[in-house]
Amino acid sequence: MIRKLIPLIIFLVLLIFLGIGLRLNPRDIPSPLIGKEVPQFTNPILSHSSQQFSPDSLKGKIWILNVWASWCTSCREEHPLLISFSKEKLVPIIGLNYKDKDDAAKDWLKSIGDPYDLSVIDANGKVGIDFGVYGVPETFVIDAKGRIIYKHTGPLTEDALSKHIRPLLNPARKS
């Protein structure tokens, strides 16, 4: 009798796991880099490809890294919010132009506005891989000690800015 119930029990257990999985938010992808030092890189700057950017240049400052691409429709969705947020001048906002063509990226920023203090070229995606980027857009907050303290996957929203990002940007916060 119990042998006949085993398939039913297995089915019920799988059903429970499915129910739990369906309640999870796919945007809530935990980053193993939270609390860890920002990956080191030195890459060319989009607007001046003869100049290089390295995260070390912002040590001692809280800053934001926003991963974007001109081919990304979700990036276009979040862009007006980034433009507005950048006008507050709370912290440097660095763009990481991910797997994009330089001319397309420059044209995109020229046509819809440039919220970034500068954008870094990541044509082959290596920097994105080092940051654990799942897809664009993604946004990281880096503290004054050079550690990643927050990651937002997907397009930024006013809710994410007000509840999660702005509270981390207090200049007195040295971590």
N, C-alpha and C. Protein backbone atom coordinates (compact mmCIF):
# COMPACT_ATOMS: atom_id res chain seq x y z
N MET A 1 0.82 -1.20 0.00
CA MET A 1 0.00 0.00 0.00
C MET A 1 0.87 1.27 0.00
N ILE A 2 1.88 1.30 0.88
CA ILE A 2 2.75 2.49 0.97
C ILE A 2 3.52 2.66 -0.32
N ARG A 3 3.89 1.55 -0.98
CA ARG A 3 4.62 1.63 -2.25
C ARG A 3 3.82 2.37 -3.31
N LYS A 4 2.52 2.22 -3.27
CA LYS A 4 1.67 2.89 -4.25
C LYS A 4 1.55 4.38 -3.97
N LEU A 5 1.81 4.80 -2.74
CA LEU A 5 1.72 6.22 -2.36
C LEU A 5 3.00 6.99 -2.68
N ILE A 6 4.11 6.30 -2.89
CA ILE A 6 5.40 6.97 -3.13
C ILE A 6 5.34 7.91 -4.34
N PRO A 7 4.81 7.50 -5.50
CA PRO A 7 4.73 8.45 -6.61
C PRO A 7 3.87 9.68 -6.28
N LEU A 8 2.81 9.48 -5.53
CA LEU A 8 1.95 10.60 -5.13
C LEU A 8 2.71 11.55 -4.20
N ILE A 9 3.45 11.01 -3.26
CA ILE A 9 4.24 11.83 -2.33
C ILE A 9 5.30 12.62 -3.09
N ILE A 10 5.98 11.96 -4.02
CA ILE A 10 7.00 12.65 -4.83
C ILE A 10 6.34 13.77 -5.64
N PHE A 11 5.20 13.50 -6.23
CA PHE A 11 4.48 14.51 -7.00
C PHE A 11 4.11 15.71 -6.13
N LEU A 12 3.62 15.46 -4.93
CA LEU A 12 3.24 16.55 -4.02
C LEU A 12 4.45 17.39 -3.61
N VAL A 13 5.57 16.74 -3.35
CA VAL A 13 6.80 17.47 -2.99
C VAL A 13 7.23 18.37 -4.16
N LEU A 14 7.22 17.83 -5.38
CA LEU A 14 7.57 18.62 -6.56
C LEU A 14 6.60 19.79 -6.75
N LEU A 15 5.34 19.55 -6.49
CA LEU A 15 4.33 20.60 -6.60
C LEU A 15 4.59 21.73 -5.59
N ILE A 16 4.99 21.37 -4.39
CA ILE A 16 5.33 22.37 -3.37
C ILE A 16 6.51 23.21 -3.83
N PHE A 17 7.57 22.55 -4.34
CA PHE A 17 8.75 23.30 -4.83
C PHE A 17 8.38 24.20 -6.00
N LEU A 18 7.52 23.75 -6.88
CA LEU A 18 7.06 24.57 -8.00
C LEU A 18 6.31 25.79 -7.48
N GLY A 19 5.44 25.60 -6.52
CA GLY A 19 4.69 26.71 -5.93
C GLY A 19 5.60 27.74 -5.29
N ILE A 20 6.62 27.28 -4.59
CA ILE A 20 7.60 28.20 -3.98
C ILE A 20 8.35 28.95 -5.07
N GLY A 21 8.78 28.25 -6.10
CA GLY A 21 9.53 28.87 -7.18
C GLY A 21 8.74 29.93 -7.92
N LEU A 22 7.46 29.71 -8.10
CA LEU A 22 6.63 30.67 -8.81
C LEU A 22 6.41 31.96 -8.03
N ARG A 23 6.65 31.93 -6.73
CA ARG A 23 6.48 33.14 -5.90
C ARG A 23 7.76 33.98 -5.84
N LEU A 24 8.87 33.45 -6.31
CA LEU A 24 10.13 34.19 -6.27
C LEU A 24 10.18 35.24 -7.37
N ASN A 25 10.83 36.34 -7.09
CA ASN A 25 10.99 37.41 -8.08
C ASN A 25 12.27 37.13 -8.87
N PRO A 26 12.18 36.93 -10.19
CA PRO A 26 13.38 36.62 -10.96
C PRO A 26 14.38 37.77 -10.98
N ARG A 27 13.97 38.98 -10.64
CA ARG A 27 14.90 40.11 -10.59
C ARG A 27 15.75 40.09 -9.32
N ASP A 28 15.29 39.34 -8.31
CA ASP A 28 16.04 39.27 -7.06
C ASP A 28 17.11 38.19 -7.15
N ILE A 29 18.13 38.50 -7.93
CA ILE A 29 19.24 37.56 -8.11
C ILE A 29 20.35 38.02 -7.18
N PRO A 30 20.61 37.27 -6.12
CA PRO A 30 21.64 37.73 -5.19
C PRO A 30 23.02 37.72 -5.85
N SER A 31 23.79 38.74 -5.54
CA SER A 31 25.13 38.82 -6.11
C SER A 31 26.14 38.33 -5.09
N PRO A 32 27.01 37.42 -5.48
CA PRO A 32 28.06 36.97 -4.56
C PRO A 32 29.12 38.05 -4.34
N LEU A 33 29.04 39.15 -5.09
CA LEU A 33 30.03 40.22 -4.96
C LEU A 33 29.66 41.27 -3.92
N ILE A 34 28.45 41.21 -3.36
CA ILE A 34 28.07 42.19 -2.34
C ILE A 34 29.03 42.05 -1.15
N GLY A 35 29.61 43.20 -0.78
CA GLY A 35 30.58 43.21 0.32
C GLY A 35 32.01 42.94 -0.12
N LYS A 36 32.18 42.61 -1.38
CA LYS A 36 33.52 42.32 -1.90
C LYS A 36 34.04 43.52 -2.68
N GLU A 37 35.36 43.56 -2.83
CA GLU A 37 35.98 44.64 -3.57
C GLU A 37 35.56 44.60 -5.04
N VAL A 38 35.39 45.79 -5.61
CA VAL A 38 34.99 45.91 -7.00
C VAL A 38 36.07 45.25 -7.88
N PRO A 39 35.66 44.51 -8.91
CA PRO A 39 36.65 43.91 -9.81
C PRO A 39 37.53 45.00 -10.44
N GLN A 40 38.81 44.72 -10.54
CA GLN A 40 39.74 45.69 -11.10
C GLN A 40 39.80 45.55 -12.62
N PHE A 41 39.83 46.70 -13.28
CA PHE A 41 39.96 46.73 -14.73
C PHE A 41 40.49 48.11 -15.12
N THR A 42 41.04 48.20 -16.28
CA THR A 42 41.43 49.47 -16.88
C THR A 42 40.99 49.40 -18.33
N ASN A 43 39.99 50.21 -18.66
CA ASN A 43 39.40 50.19 -20.00
C ASN A 43 39.32 51.60 -20.56
N PRO A 44 39.24 51.71 -21.89
CA PRO A 44 39.12 53.03 -22.51
C PRO A 44 37.77 53.69 -22.20
N ILE A 45 37.80 55.01 -22.20
CA ILE A 45 36.59 55.82 -22.00
C ILE A 45 35.95 56.04 -23.37
N LEU A 46 34.64 55.88 -23.44
CA LEU A 46 33.90 55.95 -24.70
C LEU A 46 34.14 57.28 -25.43
N SER A 47 34.05 58.38 -24.72
CA SER A 47 34.16 59.69 -25.37
C SER A 47 35.60 60.08 -25.71
N HIS A 48 36.57 59.43 -25.06
CA HIS A 48 37.99 59.71 -25.30
C HIS A 48 38.74 58.37 -25.23
N SER A 49 38.70 57.60 -26.30
CA SER A 49 39.24 56.23 -26.25
C SER A 49 40.74 56.18 -25.98
N SER A 50 41.43 57.30 -26.07
CA SER A 50 42.86 57.30 -25.74
C SER A 50 43.06 57.40 -24.22
N GLN A 51 41.99 57.75 -23.47
CA GLN A 51 42.07 57.82 -22.01
C GLN A 51 41.49 56.54 -21.41
N GLN A 52 41.97 56.19 -20.22
CA GLN A 52 41.56 54.96 -19.56
C GLN A 52 40.85 55.28 -18.24
N PHE A 53 39.99 54.36 -17.83
CA PHE A 53 39.34 54.46 -16.53
C PHE A 53 39.64 53.20 -15.74
N SER A 54 39.87 53.39 -14.45
CA SER A 54 40.04 52.28 -13.51
C SER A 54 39.25 52.63 -12.26
N PRO A 55 38.61 51.65 -11.61
CA PRO A 55 37.86 51.93 -10.38
C PRO A 55 38.73 52.57 -9.28
N ASP A 56 40.02 52.33 -9.33
CA ASP A 56 40.91 52.93 -8.33
C ASP A 56 40.84 54.45 -8.33
N SER A 57 40.49 55.03 -9.47
CA SER A 57 40.42 56.49 -9.56
C SER A 57 39.28 57.07 -8.72
N LEU A 58 38.35 56.23 -8.28
CA LEU A 58 37.24 56.71 -7.46
C LEU A 58 37.31 56.22 -6.01
N LYS A 59 38.44 55.63 -5.62
CA LYS A 59 38.59 55.19 -4.22
C LYS A 59 38.43 56.40 -3.32
N GLY A 60 37.72 56.22 -2.25
CA GLY A 60 37.44 57.31 -1.33
C GLY A 60 36.11 57.98 -1.63
N LYS A 61 35.44 57.59 -2.72
CA LYS A 61 34.14 58.15 -3.08
C LYS A 61 33.13 57.02 -3.24
N ILE A 62 31.90 57.33 -2.91
CA ILE A 62 30.79 56.43 -3.23
C ILE A 62 30.43 56.72 -4.68
N TRP A 63 30.18 55.68 -5.47
CA TRP A 63 29.84 55.90 -6.88
C TRP A 63 28.93 54.79 -7.39
N ILE A 64 28.37 55.04 -8.55
CA ILE A 64 27.43 54.10 -9.17
C ILE A 64 28.00 53.65 -10.51
N LEU A 65 27.89 52.35 -10.77
CA LEU A 65 28.22 51.79 -12.08
C LEU A 65 26.93 51.29 -12.69
N ASN A 66 26.59 51.82 -13.86
CA ASN A 66 25.38 51.41 -14.57
C ASN A 66 25.80 50.73 -15.87
N VAL A 67 25.43 49.46 -16.02
CA VAL A 67 25.77 48.68 -17.20
C VAL A 67 24.66 48.89 -18.23
N TRP A 68 25.02 49.32 -19.44
CA TRP A 68 24.04 49.68 -20.46
C TRP A 68 24.57 49.34 -21.85
N ALA A 69 23.67 49.40 -22.83
CA ALA A 69 24.05 49.21 -24.23
C ALA A 69 23.01 49.90 -25.10
N SER A 70 23.44 50.37 -26.26
CA SER A 70 22.51 51.07 -27.16
C SER A 70 21.46 50.12 -27.74
N TRP A 71 21.76 48.83 -27.80
CA TRP A 71 20.82 47.85 -28.35
C TRP A 71 19.82 47.35 -27.31
N CYS A 72 19.92 47.83 -26.09
CA CYS A 72 19.11 47.33 -24.97
C CYS A 72 17.83 48.15 -24.82
N THR A 73 16.69 47.51 -25.01
CA THR A 73 15.41 48.23 -24.90
C THR A 73 15.10 48.61 -23.45
N SER A 74 15.49 47.78 -22.49
CA SER A 74 15.27 48.11 -21.08
C SER A 74 16.13 49.30 -20.64
N CYS A 75 17.29 49.45 -21.28
CA CYS A 75 18.15 50.59 -20.97
C CYS A 75 17.47 51.89 -21.40
N ARG A 76 16.79 51.82 -22.53
CA ARG A 76 16.04 52.99 -23.01
C ARG A 76 14.91 53.32 -22.03
N GLU A 77 14.32 52.29 -21.44
CA GLU A 77 13.23 52.47 -20.48
C GLU A 77 13.70 53.21 -19.23
N GLU A 78 14.90 52.85 -18.72
CA GLU A 78 15.39 53.46 -17.49
C GLU A 78 16.10 54.79 -17.73
N HIS A 79 16.43 55.10 -18.97
CA HIS A 79 17.28 56.24 -19.28
C HIS A 79 16.73 57.60 -18.79
N PRO A 80 15.44 57.90 -18.98
CA PRO A 80 14.93 59.19 -18.46
C PRO A 80 15.13 59.32 -16.95
N LEU A 81 14.97 58.24 -16.22
CA LEU A 81 15.18 58.27 -14.77
C LEU A 81 16.66 58.52 -14.45
N LEU A 82 17.55 57.88 -15.20
CA LEU A 82 18.99 58.12 -15.00
C LEU A 82 19.35 59.57 -15.29
N ILE A 83 18.79 60.13 -16.35
CA ILE A 83 19.04 61.54 -16.70
C ILE A 83 18.62 62.44 -15.54
N SER A 84 17.43 62.21 -15.04
CA SER A 84 16.90 63.01 -13.92
C SER A 84 17.77 62.83 -12.67
N PHE A 85 18.09 61.60 -12.36
CA PHE A 85 18.90 61.30 -11.17
C PHE A 85 20.29 61.93 -11.28
N SER A 86 20.87 61.91 -12.46
CA SER A 86 22.23 62.45 -12.64
C SER A 86 22.28 63.95 -12.37
N LYS A 87 21.17 64.65 -12.58
CA LYS A 87 21.11 66.10 -12.35
C LYS A 87 21.22 66.44 -10.86
N GLU A 88 20.96 65.46 -9.99
CA GLU A 88 21.09 65.69 -8.55
C GLU A 88 22.56 65.76 -8.13
N LYS A 89 23.45 65.22 -8.94
CA LYS A 89 24.91 65.25 -8.67
C LYS A 89 25.26 64.72 -7.28
N LEU A 90 24.58 63.63 -6.86
CA LEU A 90 24.85 63.05 -5.55
C LEU A 90 26.18 62.31 -5.52
N VAL A 91 26.44 61.55 -6.57
CA VAL A 91 27.67 60.75 -6.67
C VAL A 91 28.03 60.62 -8.14
N PRO A 92 29.29 60.26 -8.44
CA PRO A 92 29.62 59.99 -9.84
C PRO A 92 28.85 58.78 -10.35
N ILE A 93 28.36 58.90 -11.58
CA ILE A 93 27.69 57.78 -12.24
C ILE A 93 28.55 57.39 -13.43
N ILE A 94 29.06 56.18 -13.37
CA ILE A 94 29.92 55.67 -14.44
C ILE A 94 29.10 54.67 -15.25
N GLY A 95 29.11 54.83 -16.56
CA GLY A 95 28.44 53.88 -17.43
C GLY A 95 29.42 52.82 -17.88
N LEU A 96 28.96 51.60 -17.99
CA LEU A 96 29.75 50.52 -18.56
C LEU A 96 29.03 50.09 -19.83
N ASN A 97 29.55 50.52 -20.96
CA ASN A 97 28.93 50.23 -22.25
C ASN A 97 29.28 48.80 -22.64
N TYR A 98 28.31 47.92 -22.51
CA TYR A 98 28.49 46.47 -22.55
C TYR A 98 28.23 45.89 -23.94
N LYS A 99 29.24 45.25 -24.50
CA LYS A 99 29.12 44.53 -25.78
C LYS A 99 28.41 45.36 -26.85
N ASP A 100 28.91 46.54 -27.05
CA ASP A 100 28.27 47.50 -27.95
C ASP A 100 29.29 48.01 -28.95
N LYS A 101 28.82 48.62 -30.00
CA LYS A 101 29.69 49.28 -30.97
C LYS A 101 29.84 50.73 -30.52
N ASP A 102 31.08 51.23 -30.53
CA ASP A 102 31.36 52.57 -30.02
C ASP A 102 30.51 53.64 -30.69
N ASP A 103 30.41 53.61 -32.01
CA ASP A 103 29.65 54.63 -32.73
C ASP A 103 28.17 54.59 -32.36
N ALA A 104 27.62 53.40 -32.25
CA ALA A 104 26.21 53.25 -31.87
C ALA A 104 25.98 53.80 -30.46
N ALA A 105 26.91 53.52 -29.56
CA ALA A 105 26.79 53.99 -28.17
C ALA A 105 26.87 55.52 -28.11
N LYS A 106 27.83 56.09 -28.84
CA LYS A 106 27.98 57.55 -28.85
C LYS A 106 26.74 58.22 -29.44
N ASP A 107 26.22 57.68 -30.53
CA ASP A 107 25.02 58.23 -31.17
C ASP A 107 23.82 58.16 -30.22
N TRP A 108 23.70 57.04 -29.52
CA TRP A 108 22.59 56.82 -28.60
C TRP A 108 22.61 57.88 -27.50
N LEU A 109 23.79 58.08 -26.88
CA LEU A 109 23.91 59.07 -25.82
C LEU A 109 23.68 60.48 -26.34
N LYS A 110 24.15 60.74 -27.54
CA LYS A 110 23.98 62.08 -28.14
C LYS A 110 22.50 62.36 -28.41
N SER A 111 21.77 61.34 -28.84
CA SER A 111 20.37 61.56 -29.22
C SER A 111 19.42 61.60 -28.02
N ILE A 112 19.68 60.82 -26.97
CA ILE A 112 18.72 60.80 -25.85
C ILE A 112 19.28 61.35 -24.54
N GLY A 113 20.52 61.81 -24.55
CA GLY A 113 21.11 62.42 -23.36
C GLY A 113 22.11 61.50 -22.69
N ASP A 114 23.07 62.12 -22.03
CA ASP A 114 24.15 61.37 -21.38
C ASP A 114 24.14 61.63 -19.88
N PRO A 115 23.66 60.68 -19.08
CA PRO A 115 23.61 60.87 -17.63
C PRO A 115 24.94 60.55 -16.92
N TYR A 116 25.91 60.05 -17.67
CA TYR A 116 27.13 59.52 -17.06
C TYR A 116 28.22 60.57 -16.95
N ASP A 117 28.97 60.47 -15.86
CA ASP A 117 30.18 61.29 -15.74
C ASP A 117 31.16 60.85 -16.82
N LEU A 118 31.17 59.56 -17.08
CA LEU A 118 31.90 58.98 -18.20
C LEU A 118 31.38 57.57 -18.43
N SER A 119 31.58 57.07 -19.63
CA SER A 119 31.23 55.68 -19.94
C SER A 119 32.48 54.94 -20.35
N VAL A 120 32.59 53.72 -19.88
CA VAL A 120 33.73 52.86 -20.14
C VAL A 120 33.35 51.84 -21.20
N ILE A 121 34.25 51.59 -22.12
CA ILE A 121 34.00 50.61 -23.18
C ILE A 121 34.28 49.20 -22.66
N ASP A 122 33.29 48.32 -22.81
CA ASP A 122 33.45 46.90 -22.48
C ASP A 122 32.98 46.09 -23.69
N ALA A 123 33.68 46.26 -24.81
CA ALA A 123 33.26 45.67 -26.09
C ALA A 123 33.17 44.16 -26.05
N ASN A 124 34.09 43.50 -25.35
CA ASN A 124 34.08 42.04 -25.33
C ASN A 124 33.31 41.46 -24.13
N GLY A 125 32.84 42.32 -23.23
CA GLY A 125 32.04 41.87 -22.09
C GLY A 125 32.82 41.33 -20.92
N LYS A 126 34.15 41.42 -20.93
CA LYS A 126 34.95 40.85 -19.84
C LYS A 126 34.68 41.53 -18.50
N VAL A 127 34.58 42.86 -18.51
CA VAL A 127 34.31 43.57 -17.25
C VAL A 127 32.93 43.18 -16.73
N GLY A 128 31.95 43.10 -17.61
CA GLY A 128 30.62 42.67 -17.21
C GLY A 128 30.64 41.28 -16.59
N ILE A 129 31.41 40.38 -17.17
CA ILE A 129 31.53 39.03 -16.61
C ILE A 129 32.14 39.08 -15.22
N ASP A 130 33.18 39.91 -15.05
CA ASP A 130 33.82 40.04 -13.74
C ASP A 130 32.85 40.57 -12.68
N PHE A 131 31.89 41.39 -13.11
CA PHE A 131 30.87 41.93 -12.20
C PHE A 131 29.70 40.96 -12.03
N GLY A 132 29.68 39.89 -12.78
CA GLY A 132 28.59 38.92 -12.67
C GLY A 132 27.31 39.43 -13.33
N VAL A 133 27.46 40.21 -14.39
CA VAL A 133 26.30 40.77 -15.08
C VAL A 133 25.52 39.64 -15.76
N TYR A 134 24.21 39.60 -15.48
CA TYR A 134 23.32 38.61 -16.09
C TYR A 134 22.73 39.13 -17.38
N GLY A 135 22.61 40.45 -17.47
CA GLY A 135 22.04 41.10 -18.64
C GLY A 135 21.95 42.58 -18.36
N VAL A 136 21.73 43.35 -19.39
CA VAL A 136 21.65 44.79 -19.20
C VAL A 136 20.20 45.23 -19.16
N PRO A 137 19.89 46.25 -18.41
CA PRO A 137 20.77 47.03 -17.55
C PRO A 137 20.93 46.41 -16.16
N GLU A 138 22.04 46.72 -15.55
CA GLU A 138 22.28 46.39 -14.15
C GLU A 138 23.00 47.58 -13.54
N THR A 139 22.76 47.80 -12.26
CA THR A 139 23.34 48.95 -11.57
C THR A 139 23.96 48.50 -10.26
N PHE A 140 25.17 49.00 -10.01
CA PHE A 140 25.91 48.66 -8.80
C PHE A 140 26.22 49.94 -8.02
N VAL A 141 26.14 49.88 -6.70
CA VAL A 141 26.59 50.97 -5.85
C VAL A 141 27.89 50.50 -5.20
N ILE A 142 28.93 51.33 -5.32
CA ILE A 142 30.25 51.00 -4.78
C ILE A 142 30.57 52.00 -3.68
N ASP A 143 31.00 51.50 -2.52
CA ASP A 143 31.27 52.40 -1.39
C ASP A 143 32.66 53.04 -1.50
N ALA A 144 32.97 53.89 -0.55
CA ALA A 144 34.22 54.66 -0.57
C ALA A 144 35.45 53.77 -0.43
N LYS A 145 35.28 52.57 0.09
CA LYS A 145 36.41 51.64 0.21
C LYS A 145 36.57 50.77 -1.04
N GLY A 146 35.71 50.98 -2.02
CA GLY A 146 35.81 50.22 -3.26
C GLY A 146 35.11 48.87 -3.22
N ARG A 147 34.10 48.73 -2.35
CA ARG A 147 33.35 47.48 -2.25
C ARG A 147 31.95 47.66 -2.83
N ILE A 148 31.46 46.62 -3.46
CA ILE A 148 30.10 46.63 -3.99
C ILE A 148 29.14 46.46 -2.81
N ILE A 149 28.23 47.42 -2.65
CA ILE A 149 27.30 47.34 -1.52
C ILE A 149 25.86 47.12 -1.95
N TYR A 150 25.60 47.23 -3.25
CA TYR A 150 24.23 47.01 -3.73
C TYR A 150 24.26 46.70 -5.22
N LYS A 151 23.36 45.82 -5.64
CA LYS A 151 23.20 45.50 -7.06
C LYS A 151 21.72 45.51 -7.39
N HIS A 152 21.38 46.21 -8.48
CA HIS A 152 20.01 46.23 -8.97
C HIS A 152 20.01 45.61 -10.36
N THR A 153 19.22 44.58 -10.56
CA THR A 153 19.11 43.92 -11.85
C THR A 153 17.87 44.43 -12.56
N GLY A 154 18.04 44.80 -13.83
CA GLY A 154 16.92 45.30 -14.62
C GLY A 154 16.89 46.82 -14.61
N PRO A 155 15.90 47.39 -15.28
CA PRO A 155 15.81 48.85 -15.34
C PRO A 155 15.56 49.46 -13.97
N LEU A 156 16.25 50.56 -13.70
CA LEU A 156 16.02 51.27 -12.45
C LEU A 156 14.61 51.81 -12.41
N THR A 157 14.07 51.90 -11.21
CA THR A 157 12.76 52.50 -10.99
C THR A 157 12.93 53.56 -9.91
N GLU A 158 11.97 54.46 -9.83
CA GLU A 158 12.00 55.47 -8.76
C GLU A 158 11.96 54.79 -7.40
N ASP A 159 11.21 53.69 -7.31
CA ASP A 159 11.12 52.93 -6.06
C ASP A 159 12.49 52.39 -5.65
N ALA A 160 13.22 51.80 -6.59
CA ALA A 160 14.56 51.27 -6.29
C ALA A 160 15.51 52.39 -5.88
N LEU A 161 15.42 53.53 -6.57
CA LEU A 161 16.27 54.66 -6.21
C LEU A 161 15.97 55.16 -4.81
N SER A 162 14.70 55.35 -4.49
CA SER A 162 14.36 55.93 -3.19
C SER A 162 14.53 54.96 -2.03
N LYS A 163 14.21 53.70 -2.23
CA LYS A 163 14.27 52.74 -1.12
C LYS A 163 15.64 52.09 -0.93
N HIS A 164 16.37 51.92 -2.03
CA HIS A 164 17.61 51.13 -1.94
C HIS A 164 18.88 51.93 -2.22
N ILE A 165 18.84 52.77 -3.24
CA ILE A 165 20.08 53.41 -3.68
C ILE A 165 20.36 54.72 -2.94
N ARG A 166 19.42 55.65 -2.92
CA ARG A 166 19.67 56.93 -2.26
C ARG A 166 20.12 56.78 -0.80
N PRO A 167 19.53 55.86 -0.02
CA PRO A 167 20.00 55.72 1.38
C PRO A 167 21.49 55.32 1.48
N LEU A 168 22.02 54.71 0.44
CA LEU A 168 23.43 54.28 0.47
C LEU A 168 24.38 55.39 0.05
N LEU A 169 23.87 56.51 -0.44
CA LEU A 169 24.71 57.53 -1.03
C LEU A 169 25.10 58.66 -0.08
N ASN A 170 24.79 58.52 1.18
CA ASN A 170 25.16 59.53 2.16
C ASN A 170 26.68 59.71 2.16
N PRO A 171 27.15 60.95 1.89
CA PRO A 171 28.60 61.18 1.85
C PRO A 171 29.31 60.85 3.17
N ALA A 172 28.58 60.89 4.28
CA ALA A 172 29.20 60.56 5.57
C ALA A 172 29.46 59.06 5.69
N ARG A 173 28.80 58.29 4.83
CA ARG A 173 28.96 56.82 4.85
C ARG A 173 30.32 56.45 4.30
N LYS A 174 31.19 55.98 5.13
CA LYS A 174 32.53 55.55 4.70
C LYS A 174 32.66 54.04 4.80
N SER A 175 31.62 53.37 5.26
CA SER A 175 31.52 51.91 5.42
C SER A 175 32.43 51.36 6.42
